Amino acid sequence: MSVIVTLKKGEGRTVKAGGMWIYDNEIESVLGSYENGDVVLVHDFDGYPMGVGFINDHSKIRVRMLSRDENTVIDEAFWMKRVKRAWEYRKKVVDTSSCRLIFAEADFFPGLVVDKFADVLVVQSNALGIDRWKLVIVGCIKQCLEEDGVHIRGVYERSDAKVRTQEGMERIKGFIGEPFNTNVEIVENGVLYVVDIKEGQKTGFFLDQKYNRAAVGRLCQDADVLDCFTHTGSFALNAGLGGARRVLGIDASDLAIHQAMFNARMNDLQGIVKRFYIGKPNELEILHGIDFQVQEGQFVSIVGESGSGKSTLMNIIGALDQPTDGQYLLDGECVGNLKDKQLSEIRNQKIGFVFQTYNLIPRTSALANVELPMLYAGVTRKERTERAKELLELVGMKDRMHHKPDELSGGQKQRTAIARAMANDPALILADEPTGALDSATGHHIMDLFHKLHREQGKTIVLITHSRELAEETERIITLRDGVIVDDTGKTRAVGHGGKAVDETGKRGGVC
């Protein structure tokens, strides 16, 4: 490192105050030969050593500082030390399940951003010097997290920002290492999202806004909220879960709107507002010590009027929400003990959801809609297409599989939704008012289809409904009123474990 960059007299005020950038018009001379991206020494006008940094004469930011110690050696050990420092700090101040792991200059990684989405890393490198070291740094991050029990299954690079051209670099994106499904499910502030890290803006999601979103949620009780430039719907969803009366999200991007709509469906925020006031004088308790067990292969209906607690109970059964107290066992496993990644896998592979409003992606075919859960599960294109076709034929949609939802009748949409629910061969089908938007005759046809799945494939089905007539078609009826079970006809109710919001469903009961 024989190249010396000398500042002009009176310049370098920013870097002397703790900044990390030296601009081209602040430099008096550069002594020695170098290649752009090399590490150089920085001296003040009088020869006083100010540290070391990356040089790049393609950029107006001529030098990006790395260290104030002129004797610093920039090697793998140097980067590992900085990675560990950044990780330890994140663990102290944020929920690290999904977070911005490396904040560029703020963590002394000039031009580098690394976001952690569950078990996936997204890297954005916007400076030439750091770009040379990005693979080493990624390796350090994976090793550091692995030592802490956090396994990273894949890394994707989103170095496609225009600013790279100002550094004399090409805009690139793609996998670093083995490819994987780039639609990643995360949980942030209790909100579920599917993040498209490949096509979404920046790194796919603005993780640095995590606590701003949480703050918005706290401000939105009973408010009418307009979320401009909603992107994935993150601020809108936080507002809705925070008790907003009504939320409208808008965006110019079709992709963003589709993502926002899908995320809204994942969080059951279509005209429904969940309000909780835990620890406050007006704390609202929705469920009051619910105790029951659903055996494998049963067809059960949960009946109740609006406000009885059906939707809250459905969210708990579907692993979309957690009980305040008590325990929920699914297939003998205590759901409350599982991490976000495990809950995502349960929702994707063990539970098939069927909703009143179908929740189909409007601009894709019935076939593509059925393929979607398999896409998130990492099933190959050929396998998921073949299985989607088989399922659509099973539900009587063979001749309509290439039609979009707006080209289908209500009954056909619901048949498609049922096929989608079966995509990953789940142990449990959870149907929330599946005939509520259909006429009586079509509704009975849909119920016939559920009976077929129950009879021929032995599926466990839990039907949420306000219709006593539909409930009578099932082998067991559980009636809710004001958050408690008032009747359970059919199989004998199991002894449970009480709590504010608790359900047990699975092969076996018991505590965990």
Protein backbone atom coordinates (compact mmCIF):
# COMPACT_ATOMS: atom_id res chain seq x y z
CA MET A 1 0.00 0.00 0.00
CA SER A 2 2.40 2.62 -1.29
CA VAL A 3 -0.13 5.03 -2.83
CA ILE A 4 -0.62 8.22 -0.82
CA VAL A 5 -3.58 10.57 -1.29
CA THR A 6 -2.90 14.05 0.09
CA LEU A 7 -5.69 16.50 0.90
CA LYS A 8 -5.67 20.18 0.06
CA LYS A 9 -5.05 22.59 2.89
CA GLY A 10 -8.34 23.45 4.57
CA GLU A 11 -10.21 20.50 2.98
CA GLY A 12 -11.40 17.20 4.41
CA ARG A 13 -13.64 18.81 7.02
CA THR A 14 -16.25 16.03 6.66
CA VAL A 15 -13.83 13.16 7.07
CA LYS A 16 -12.11 14.94 9.97
CA ALA A 17 -15.49 15.17 11.68
CA GLY A 18 -15.95 11.40 11.42
CA GLY A 19 -17.30 11.01 7.89
CA MET A 20 -16.08 8.33 5.48
CA TRP A 21 -16.03 10.13 2.12
CA ILE A 22 -13.33 12.22 0.46
CA TYR A 23 -14.44 14.02 -2.71
CA ASP A 24 -12.32 14.56 -5.81
CA ASN A 25 -12.13 18.34 -5.32
CA GLU A 26 -10.66 17.90 -1.84
CA ILE A 27 -7.52 16.12 -3.07
CA GLU A 28 -4.23 17.92 -3.73
CA SER A 29 -2.25 14.97 -5.11
CA VAL A 30 -2.07 11.19 -5.51
CA LEU A 31 1.45 9.77 -5.21
CA GLY A 32 2.03 6.32 -6.69
CA SER A 33 0.31 4.05 -9.19
CA TYR A 34 -2.92 2.23 -8.47
CA GLU A 35 -5.93 0.47 -9.91
CA ASN A 36 -9.40 1.68 -9.09
CA GLY A 37 -10.67 -0.18 -6.05
CA ASP A 38 -7.23 -0.42 -4.41
CA VAL A 39 -6.60 0.49 -0.79
CA VAL A 40 -4.60 3.71 -0.36
CA LEU A 41 -3.13 5.82 2.45
CA VAL A 42 -4.74 9.19 3.15
CA HIS A 43 -2.67 12.12 4.48
CA ASP A 44 -3.64 15.63 5.45
CA PHE A 45 -1.97 18.54 3.62
CA ASP A 46 0.89 18.52 6.17
CA GLY A 47 1.56 14.79 5.92
CA TYR A 48 -0.44 13.77 8.99
CA PRO A 49 -1.80 10.22 8.45
CA MET A 50 -5.60 10.06 8.43
CA GLY A 51 -6.10 6.36 7.68
CA VAL A 52 -6.79 4.08 4.71
CA GLY A 53 -9.57 3.73 2.18
CA PHE A 54 -10.69 2.56 -1.27
CA ILE A 55 -9.83 4.81 -4.22
CA ASN A 56 -11.83 5.14 -7.42
CA ASP A 57 -11.27 7.97 -9.90
CA HIS A 58 -14.52 7.11 -11.75
CA SER A 59 -16.44 8.50 -8.82
CA LYS A 60 -16.74 11.98 -7.38
CA ILE A 61 -16.41 10.19 -4.04
CA ARG A 62 -12.74 9.61 -4.75
CA VAL A 63 -11.86 7.79 -1.50
CA ARG A 64 -14.14 5.79 0.81
CA MET A 65 -12.48 5.47 4.21
CA LEU A 66 -12.06 2.08 5.88
CA SER A 67 -10.00 2.81 8.98
CA ARG A 68 -8.33 5.72 10.80
CA ASP A 69 -5.31 3.55 11.49
CA GLU A 70 -2.76 3.82 8.69
CA ASN A 71 -1.35 0.39 9.65
CA THR A 72 -4.64 -1.46 9.19
CA VAL A 73 -4.40 -4.61 7.07
CA ILE A 74 -7.49 -5.15 4.91
CA ASP A 75 -7.96 -8.94 4.79
CA GLU A 76 -10.55 -11.59 5.65
CA ALA A 77 -9.87 -11.25 9.39
CA PHE A 78 -10.54 -7.51 9.13
CA TRP A 79 -13.96 -8.12 7.53
CA MET A 80 -14.88 -10.93 9.93
CA LYS A 81 -14.26 -8.61 12.88
CA ARG A 82 -16.58 -5.99 11.38
CA VAL A 83 -19.25 -8.55 10.52
CA LYS A 84 -19.28 -9.86 14.09
CA ARG A 85 -19.50 -6.34 15.48
CA ALA A 86 -22.46 -5.53 13.23
CA TRP A 87 -24.26 -8.81 14.07
CA GLU A 88 -23.77 -8.41 17.80
CA TYR A 89 -25.17 -4.89 17.61
CA ARG A 90 -28.21 -6.01 15.57
CA LYS A 91 -28.97 -8.70 18.15
CA LYS A 92 -29.06 -6.07 20.90
CA VAL A 93 -31.31 -3.55 19.16
CA VAL A 94 -33.62 -5.32 16.63
CA ASP A 95 -35.59 -8.46 15.95
CA THR A 96 -33.08 -10.31 13.79
CA SER A 97 -35.54 -12.77 12.21
CA SER A 98 -35.61 -10.31 9.29
CA CYS A 99 -33.54 -7.15 9.46
CA ARG A 100 -30.96 -4.97 7.73
CA LEU A 101 -27.77 -6.70 8.77
CA ILE A 102 -25.20 -4.37 7.20
CA PHE A 103 -25.95 -0.62 6.93
CA ALA A 104 -23.14 0.40 4.55
CA GLU A 105 -21.10 3.30 5.98
CA ALA A 106 -22.99 3.20 9.29
CA ASP A 107 -21.40 -0.22 9.93
CA PHE A 108 -18.12 0.79 8.22
CA PHE A 109 -18.82 -1.22 5.07
CA PRO A 110 -18.63 1.57 2.47
CA GLY A 111 -21.22 1.07 -0.27
CA LEU A 112 -22.46 -2.33 0.97
CA VAL A 113 -25.97 -3.20 2.16
CA VAL A 114 -26.93 -6.70 3.33
CA ASP A 115 -30.52 -7.53 4.23
CA LYS A 116 -31.56 -10.72 6.03
CA PHE A 117 -34.97 -12.07 5.02
CA ALA A 118 -35.59 -15.04 7.34
CA ASP A 119 -32.89 -17.49 6.15
CA VAL A 120 -31.96 -15.62 2.96
CA LEU A 121 -29.43 -12.81 2.44
CA VAL A 122 -29.77 -10.09 -0.19
CA VAL A 123 -26.59 -8.18 -1.02
CA GLN A 124 -26.32 -4.80 -2.71
CA SER A 125 -22.83 -3.55 -3.54
CA ASN A 126 -22.61 0.04 -4.81
CA ALA A 127 -18.89 0.82 -4.55
CA LEU A 128 -15.98 -0.63 -6.51
CA GLY A 129 -13.64 -1.23 -3.59
CA ILE A 130 -16.17 -3.14 -1.50
CA ASP A 131 -17.32 -5.05 -4.60
CA ARG A 132 -13.94 -6.76 -4.76
CA TRP A 133 -14.47 -8.09 -1.24
CA LYS A 134 -18.19 -8.95 -1.36
CA LEU A 135 -17.76 -12.73 -1.70
CA VAL A 136 -15.34 -12.74 1.24
CA ILE A 137 -17.75 -10.63 3.29
CA VAL A 138 -20.71 -12.89 2.40
CA GLY A 139 -18.66 -15.88 3.52
CA CYS A 140 -17.87 -14.12 6.80
CA ILE A 141 -21.55 -13.33 7.39
CA LYS A 142 -22.65 -16.92 6.74
CA GLN A 143 -19.93 -18.28 9.04
CA CYS A 144 -20.70 -15.76 11.78
CA LEU A 145 -24.43 -16.53 11.75
CA GLU A 146 -23.86 -20.29 11.53
CA GLU A 147 -21.73 -20.10 14.68
CA ASP A 148 -24.74 -18.46 16.32
CA GLY A 149 -27.10 -21.23 15.19
CA VAL A 150 -28.56 -19.25 12.27
CA HIS A 151 -28.35 -21.12 8.96
CA ILE A 152 -28.46 -19.14 5.71
CA ARG A 153 -29.88 -21.22 2.87
CA GLY A 154 -29.21 -18.79 0.05
CA VAL A 155 -27.76 -15.45 -1.08
CA TYR A 156 -29.06 -13.20 -3.85
CA GLU A 157 -27.32 -10.13 -5.23
CA ARG A 158 -29.31 -7.00 -6.12
CA SER A 159 -26.46 -4.78 -7.32
CA ASP A 160 -28.66 -3.35 -10.04
CA ALA A 161 -28.88 0.24 -8.77
CA LYS A 162 -28.07 3.03 -11.23
CA VAL A 163 -25.46 4.43 -8.84
CA ARG A 164 -23.09 1.60 -9.84
CA THR A 165 -22.61 3.23 -13.22
CA GLN A 166 -21.19 6.28 -11.43
CA GLU A 167 -18.56 3.96 -9.97
CA GLY A 168 -17.65 2.57 -13.38
CA MET A 169 -19.40 -0.75 -12.69
CA GLU A 170 -22.07 -2.74 -14.48
CA ARG A 171 -25.49 -3.23 -12.91
CA ILE A 172 -25.92 -6.91 -12.01
CA LYS A 173 -28.23 -9.23 -10.11
CA GLY A 174 -28.33 -12.96 -9.56
CA PHE A 175 -27.55 -15.79 -7.17
CA ILE A 176 -24.36 -15.96 -5.15
CA GLY A 177 -24.06 -19.71 -4.79
CA GLU A 178 -26.86 -22.22 -5.33
CA PRO A 179 -30.21 -20.97 -6.70
CA PHE A 180 -33.37 -21.03 -4.55
CA ASN A 181 -36.96 -19.80 -4.53
CA THR A 182 -36.74 -16.00 -4.54
CA ASN A 183 -40.22 -15.51 -3.05
CA VAL A 184 -39.36 -15.47 0.65
CA GLU A 185 -41.90 -15.50 3.48
CA ILE A 186 -41.06 -13.33 6.49
CA VAL A 187 -42.71 -12.05 9.66
CA GLU A 188 -42.13 -8.47 10.78
CA ASN A 189 -43.95 -6.72 13.64
CA GLY A 190 -46.32 -9.70 13.66
CA VAL A 191 -47.24 -9.11 9.98
CA LEU A 192 -46.78 -11.81 7.35
CA TYR A 193 -45.22 -10.97 3.96
CA VAL A 194 -43.99 -12.75 0.88
CA VAL A 195 -41.02 -10.75 -0.37
CA ASP A 196 -39.95 -10.97 -4.00
CA ILE A 197 -36.21 -10.41 -3.58
CA LYS A 198 -35.58 -10.83 -7.30
CA GLU A 199 -38.04 -8.33 -8.79
CA GLY A 200 -39.03 -6.16 -5.82
CA GLN A 201 -37.63 -2.66 -5.35
CA LYS A 202 -34.13 -2.23 -3.87
CA THR A 203 -33.49 -5.52 -2.08
CA GLY A 204 -37.16 -6.49 -2.35
CA PHE A 205 -38.43 -4.89 0.84
CA PHE A 206 -37.48 -1.84 2.89
CA LEU A 207 -36.27 -3.56 6.04
CA ASP A 208 -34.70 -0.37 7.35
CA GLN A 209 -38.26 0.95 7.89
CA LYS A 210 -39.18 -1.85 10.33
CA TYR A 211 -39.76 0.38 13.35
CA ASN A 212 -41.32 3.23 11.40
CA ARG A 213 -43.97 0.72 10.30
CA ALA A 214 -44.52 -0.36 13.89
CA ALA A 215 -44.83 3.29 14.95
CA VAL A 216 -47.46 3.93 12.26
CA GLY A 217 -49.48 0.99 13.53
CA ARG A 218 -49.65 2.58 16.98
CA LEU A 219 -51.00 5.84 15.52
CA CYS A 220 -53.82 4.35 13.43
CA GLN A 221 -56.47 3.27 15.92
CA ASP A 222 -59.92 3.97 14.35
CA ALA A 223 -58.29 6.10 11.63
CA ASP A 224 -58.87 6.29 7.87
CA VAL A 225 -55.43 5.68 6.35
CA LEU A 226 -54.08 6.43 2.86
CA ASP A 227 -50.79 4.66 2.07
CA CYS A 228 -49.26 6.24 -1.03
CA PHE A 229 -46.52 4.27 -2.82
CA THR A 230 -47.57 1.24 -0.81
CA HIS A 231 -45.08 -1.14 -2.54
CA THR A 232 -45.65 -4.45 -0.70
CA GLY A 233 -48.40 -2.95 1.45
CA SER A 234 -46.20 -2.90 4.54
CA PHE A 235 -47.31 0.40 6.07
CA ALA A 236 -50.93 -0.29 5.10
CA LEU A 237 -50.88 -3.70 6.80
CA ASN A 238 -49.32 -2.29 9.96
CA ALA A 239 -52.03 0.36 9.99
CA GLY A 240 -54.73 -2.29 9.58
CA LEU A 241 -53.36 -4.50 12.33
CA GLY A 242 -53.00 -1.39 14.47
CA GLY A 243 -56.77 -0.91 14.43
CA ALA A 244 -57.38 1.41 11.46
CA ARG A 245 -61.02 1.70 10.45
CA ARG A 246 -60.16 1.72 6.76
CA VAL A 247 -56.90 1.52 4.78
CA LEU A 248 -56.28 2.33 1.12
CA GLY A 249 -52.90 1.55 -0.45
CA ILE A 250 -51.92 2.85 -3.91
CA ASP A 251 -48.91 2.27 -6.15
CA ALA A 252 -47.97 2.83 -9.80
CA SER A 253 -46.41 -0.63 -10.09
CA ASP A 254 -48.60 -3.62 -11.02
CA LEU A 255 -46.09 -5.94 -9.38
CA ALA A 256 -46.22 -3.93 -6.17
CA ILE A 257 -50.03 -3.99 -6.13
CA HIS A 258 -50.10 -7.76 -6.65
CA GLN A 259 -47.60 -8.20 -3.82
CA ALA A 260 -49.59 -5.92 -1.52
CA MET A 261 -52.84 -7.74 -2.29
CA PHE A 262 -51.24 -11.12 -1.68
CA ASN A 263 -49.74 -9.95 1.62
CA ALA A 264 -53.11 -8.55 2.68
CA ARG A 265 -54.71 -11.92 2.04
CA MET A 266 -52.00 -13.65 4.08
CA ASN A 267 -52.89 -11.43 7.01
CA ASP A 268 -56.66 -11.80 6.61
CA LEU A 269 -57.14 -8.06 6.24
CA GLN A 270 -60.04 -7.86 3.84
CA GLY A 271 -62.58 -5.83 5.72
CA ILE A 272 -61.51 -7.35 9.02
CA VAL A 273 -59.72 -5.41 11.76
CA LYS A 274 -58.13 -7.11 14.73
CA ARG A 275 -57.88 -5.06 17.90
CA PHE A 276 -55.93 -6.00 20.99
CA TYR A 277 -55.26 -3.78 24.00
CA ILE A 278 -53.02 -6.04 26.02
CA GLY A 279 -52.14 -4.58 29.39
CA LYS A 280 -54.52 -1.64 28.98
CA PRO A 281 -57.74 -0.87 30.89
CA ASN A 282 -59.78 -1.59 27.73
CA GLU A 283 -58.03 -4.90 26.98
CA LEU A 284 -60.24 -6.99 24.72
CA GLU A 285 -60.39 -10.76 25.21
CA ILE A 286 -61.84 -12.52 22.15
CA LEU A 287 -61.57 -16.18 23.16
CA HIS A 288 -62.08 -17.40 26.70
CA GLY A 289 -60.46 -20.71 27.48
CA ILE A 290 -61.24 -22.70 24.34
CA ASP A 291 -60.50 -26.44 24.80
CA PHE A 292 -61.08 -29.05 22.10
CA GLN A 293 -59.35 -31.62 19.94
CA VAL A 294 -59.84 -32.52 16.30
CA GLN A 295 -58.82 -36.03 15.35
CA GLU A 296 -57.07 -36.89 12.11
CA GLY A 297 -59.57 -37.46 9.31
CA GLN A 298 -62.48 -35.62 10.97
CA PHE A 299 -64.79 -33.20 9.16
CA VAL A 300 -65.60 -30.53 11.74
CA SER A 301 -67.56 -27.32 11.50
CA ILE A 302 -67.12 -24.34 13.82
CA VAL A 303 -70.34 -22.34 13.91
CA GLY A 304 -71.11 -18.93 15.36
CA GLU A 305 -72.61 -15.55 14.68
CA SER A 306 -70.51 -12.52 13.78
CA GLY A 307 -68.41 -11.52 16.79
CA SER A 308 -68.40 -15.01 18.29
CA GLY A 309 -64.63 -15.40 17.82
CA LYS A 310 -64.66 -17.66 14.73
CA SER A 311 -62.15 -15.60 12.74
CA THR A 312 -59.77 -15.28 15.69
CA LEU A 313 -59.94 -19.01 16.29
CA MET A 314 -59.39 -19.68 12.59
CA ASN A 315 -56.22 -17.53 12.61
CA ILE A 316 -54.87 -19.55 15.53
CA ILE A 317 -55.71 -22.90 13.93
CA GLY A 318 -54.08 -21.68 10.69
CA ALA A 319 -50.87 -20.64 12.54
CA LEU A 320 -51.49 -17.06 11.42
CA ASP A 321 -51.74 -15.87 15.01
CA GLN A 322 -50.66 -17.09 18.44
CA PRO A 323 -52.82 -17.55 21.55
CA THR A 324 -52.26 -15.05 24.34
CA ASP A 325 -52.31 -17.92 26.80
CA GLY A 326 -52.73 -21.66 26.51
CA GLN A 327 -51.30 -24.11 23.99
CA TYR A 328 -52.09 -25.18 20.45
CA LEU A 329 -50.92 -28.57 19.22
CA LEU A 330 -50.93 -29.39 15.52
CA ASP A 331 -50.14 -32.98 14.64
CA GLY A 332 -48.72 -33.43 18.13
CA GLU A 333 -46.40 -30.39 17.82
CA CYS A 334 -46.72 -27.30 20.01
CA VAL A 335 -47.11 -24.44 17.54
CA GLY A 336 -46.32 -21.78 20.13
CA ASN A 337 -42.75 -23.09 20.41
CA LEU A 338 -41.97 -22.78 16.71
CA LYS A 339 -39.87 -20.12 15.01
CA ASP A 340 -41.09 -17.95 12.13
CA LYS A 341 -39.49 -20.16 9.50
CA GLN A 342 -41.14 -23.28 10.95
CA LEU A 343 -44.53 -21.54 11.10
CA SER A 344 -44.15 -20.54 7.45
CA GLU A 345 -43.41 -24.14 6.53
CA ILE A 346 -46.49 -25.33 8.46
CA ARG A 347 -48.76 -22.84 6.69
CA ASN A 348 -47.32 -23.77 3.34
CA GLN A 349 -47.18 -27.56 3.68
CA LYS A 350 -49.50 -28.74 6.47
CA ILE A 351 -52.48 -26.40 6.06
CA GLY A 352 -54.57 -25.68 2.99
CA PHE A 353 -56.57 -22.44 3.19
CA VAL A 354 -59.91 -21.85 1.44
CA PHE A 355 -61.48 -18.41 1.89
CA GLN A 356 -64.90 -16.91 1.20
CA THR A 357 -63.43 -14.40 -1.27
CA TYR A 358 -61.31 -17.06 -3.06
CA ASN A 359 -58.09 -14.97 -2.75
CA LEU A 360 -56.92 -15.81 -6.27
CA ILE A 361 -54.27 -13.73 -8.01
CA PRO A 362 -56.37 -11.85 -10.60
CA ARG A 363 -53.90 -11.58 -13.49
CA THR A 364 -52.77 -15.19 -13.60
CA SER A 365 -54.54 -18.31 -14.79
CA ALA A 366 -56.26 -20.88 -12.60
CA LEU A 367 -53.30 -23.18 -13.31
CA ALA A 368 -50.76 -20.58 -12.12
CA ASN A 369 -52.83 -19.89 -8.99
CA VAL A 370 -52.77 -23.56 -8.04
CA GLU A 371 -49.04 -23.73 -8.70
CA LEU A 372 -48.31 -20.81 -6.33
CA PRO A 373 -48.02 -22.73 -2.99
CA MET A 374 -45.75 -25.24 -4.69
CA LEU A 375 -43.59 -22.40 -6.01
CA TYR A 376 -43.08 -21.16 -2.45
CA ALA A 377 -42.29 -24.75 -1.39
CA GLY A 378 -39.51 -24.99 -3.99
CA VAL A 379 -41.18 -27.61 -6.20
CA THR A 380 -39.75 -27.74 -9.71
CA ARG A 381 -41.71 -26.15 -12.54
CA LYS A 382 -42.48 -29.48 -14.22
CA GLU A 383 -43.67 -31.15 -11.01
CA ARG A 384 -45.88 -28.25 -9.90
CA THR A 385 -47.49 -27.90 -13.34
CA GLU A 386 -48.30 -31.61 -13.52
CA ARG A 387 -49.77 -31.66 -10.00
CA ALA A 388 -51.74 -28.45 -10.59
CA LYS A 389 -53.32 -29.99 -13.69
CA GLU A 390 -54.22 -33.15 -11.74
CA LEU A 391 -55.83 -31.13 -8.94
CA LEU A 392 -57.81 -28.93 -11.32
CA GLU A 393 -59.11 -32.05 -13.04
CA LEU A 394 -60.03 -33.48 -9.62
CA VAL A 395 -62.21 -30.45 -8.85
CA GLY A 396 -63.80 -30.36 -12.30
CA MET A 397 -61.76 -27.46 -13.71
CA LYS A 398 -59.80 -29.30 -16.43
CA ASP A 399 -61.38 -27.27 -19.23
CA ARG A 400 -60.94 -23.91 -17.48
CA MET A 401 -57.40 -24.14 -16.11
CA HIS A 402 -56.00 -21.53 -18.50
CA HIS A 403 -58.68 -18.96 -17.69
CA LYS A 404 -58.06 -16.02 -15.35
CA PRO A 405 -60.26 -15.53 -12.25
CA ASP A 406 -62.37 -12.78 -13.86
CA GLU A 407 -63.29 -15.30 -16.57
CA LEU A 408 -64.62 -17.79 -14.02
CA SER A 409 -67.89 -18.05 -12.12
CA GLY A 410 -67.97 -17.91 -8.34
CA GLY A 411 -68.20 -21.68 -8.08
CA GLN A 412 -65.31 -22.15 -10.51
CA LYS A 413 -63.17 -19.70 -8.52
CA GLN A 414 -63.85 -21.63 -5.33
CA ARG A 415 -63.05 -24.94 -7.02
CA THR A 416 -59.75 -23.41 -8.10
CA ALA A 417 -59.14 -22.21 -4.54
CA ILE A 418 -59.78 -25.72 -3.21
CA ALA A 419 -57.34 -27.16 -5.75
CA ARG A 420 -54.78 -24.60 -4.59
CA ALA A 421 -55.38 -25.57 -0.96
CA MET A 422 -54.55 -29.16 -1.90
CA ALA A 423 -51.36 -28.22 -3.79
CA ASN A 424 -48.86 -29.38 -1.15
CA ASP A 425 -51.04 -32.28 0.06
CA PRO A 426 -51.74 -30.68 3.48
CA ALA A 427 -52.85 -32.64 6.53
CA LEU A 428 -55.51 -30.04 7.31
CA ILE A 429 -57.89 -28.06 5.09
CA LEU A 430 -59.11 -24.89 6.81
CA ALA A 431 -62.15 -23.40 5.07
CA ASP A 432 -63.42 -19.97 6.15
CA GLU A 433 -67.01 -19.39 4.94
CA PRO A 434 -66.17 -21.12 1.63
CA THR A 435 -69.75 -20.86 0.32
CA GLY A 436 -70.54 -17.41 1.71
CA ALA A 437 -70.18 -15.66 -1.66
CA LEU A 438 -72.06 -18.34 -3.63
CA ASP A 439 -75.70 -19.08 -4.32
CA SER A 440 -77.31 -22.00 -2.51
CA ALA A 441 -77.00 -24.54 -5.35
CA THR A 442 -73.35 -23.72 -6.06
CA GLY A 443 -72.63 -23.77 -2.34
CA HIS A 444 -73.93 -27.33 -2.09
CA HIS A 445 -71.72 -28.35 -5.02
CA ILE A 446 -68.70 -26.96 -3.16
CA MET A 447 -69.71 -28.86 -0.03
CA ASP A 448 -69.98 -32.01 -2.14
CA LEU A 449 -66.39 -31.44 -3.19
CA PHE A 450 -65.27 -31.15 0.45
CA HIS A 451 -67.10 -34.39 1.21
CA LYS A 452 -65.29 -36.06 -1.68
CA LEU A 453 -61.89 -34.95 -0.37
CA HIS A 454 -62.83 -36.10 3.11
CA ARG A 455 -64.22 -39.44 1.98
CA GLU A 456 -61.75 -40.41 -0.73
CA GLN A 457 -58.53 -38.84 0.54
CA GLY A 458 -59.15 -38.88 4.28
CA LYS A 459 -58.49 -35.16 4.66
CA THR A 460 -59.03 -33.45 7.99
CA ILE A 461 -61.33 -30.51 7.30
CA VAL A 462 -62.26 -27.65 9.63
CA LEU A 463 -65.12 -25.55 8.25
CA ILE A 464 -65.71 -22.07 9.70
CA THR A 465 -69.29 -20.99 9.02
CA HIS A 466 -72.28 -19.08 10.36
CA SER A 467 -74.65 -21.45 8.51
CA ARG A 468 -76.21 -24.12 10.70
CA GLU A 469 -77.50 -25.84 7.53
CA LEU A 470 -73.99 -26.33 6.15
CA ALA A 471 -72.67 -27.35 9.53
CA GLU A 472 -75.25 -30.14 9.71
CA GLU A 473 -73.51 -31.79 6.76
CA THR A 474 -70.35 -32.34 8.82
CA GLU A 475 -69.75 -35.14 11.31
CA ARG A 476 -69.16 -32.78 14.22
CA ILE A 477 -70.39 -29.27 15.08
CA ILE A 478 -68.64 -26.94 17.53
CA THR A 479 -70.72 -23.87 18.38
CA LEU A 480 -69.09 -20.63 19.55
CA ARG A 481 -70.83 -17.77 21.30
CA ASP A 482 -69.05 -14.73 22.75
CA GLY A 483 -65.68 -16.46 22.64
CA VAL A 484 -66.64 -19.72 24.39
CA ILE A 485 -67.77 -23.16 23.22
CA VAL A 486 -71.46 -23.56 24.07
CA ASP A 487 -72.06 -26.85 22.23
CA ASP A 488 -69.98 -29.67 20.77
CA THR A 489 -72.05 -32.32 19.02
CA GLY A 490 -70.39 -35.38 17.59
CA LYS A 491 -67.15 -36.73 19.03
CA THR A 492 -66.52 -36.19 22.73
CA ARG A 493 -64.65 -33.03 23.53
CA ALA A 494 -61.14 -33.51 24.89
CA VAL A 495 -59.97 -32.05 28.19
CA GLY A 496 -57.76 -29.08 27.40
CA HIS A 497 -55.58 -26.58 29.16
CA GLY A 498 -57.48 -23.29 29.24
CA GLY A 499 -56.37 -19.79 28.40
CA LYS A 500 -57.49 -16.62 26.71
CA ALA A 501 -57.16 -18.00 23.21
CA VAL A 502 -56.37 -21.69 22.82
CA ASP A 503 -57.22 -24.57 20.55
CA GLU A 504 -55.86 -28.07 20.17
CA THR A 505 -56.09 -29.88 16.89
CA GLY A 506 -54.06 -32.85 15.63
CA LYS A 507 -53.47 -36.54 15.93
CA ARG A 508 -52.72 -36.43 19.62
CA GLY A 509 -53.53 -34.18 22.48
CA GLY A 510 -51.37 -33.31 25.44
CA VAL A 511 -49.26 -30.50 26.74
CA CYS A 512 -45.92 -29.40 25.40
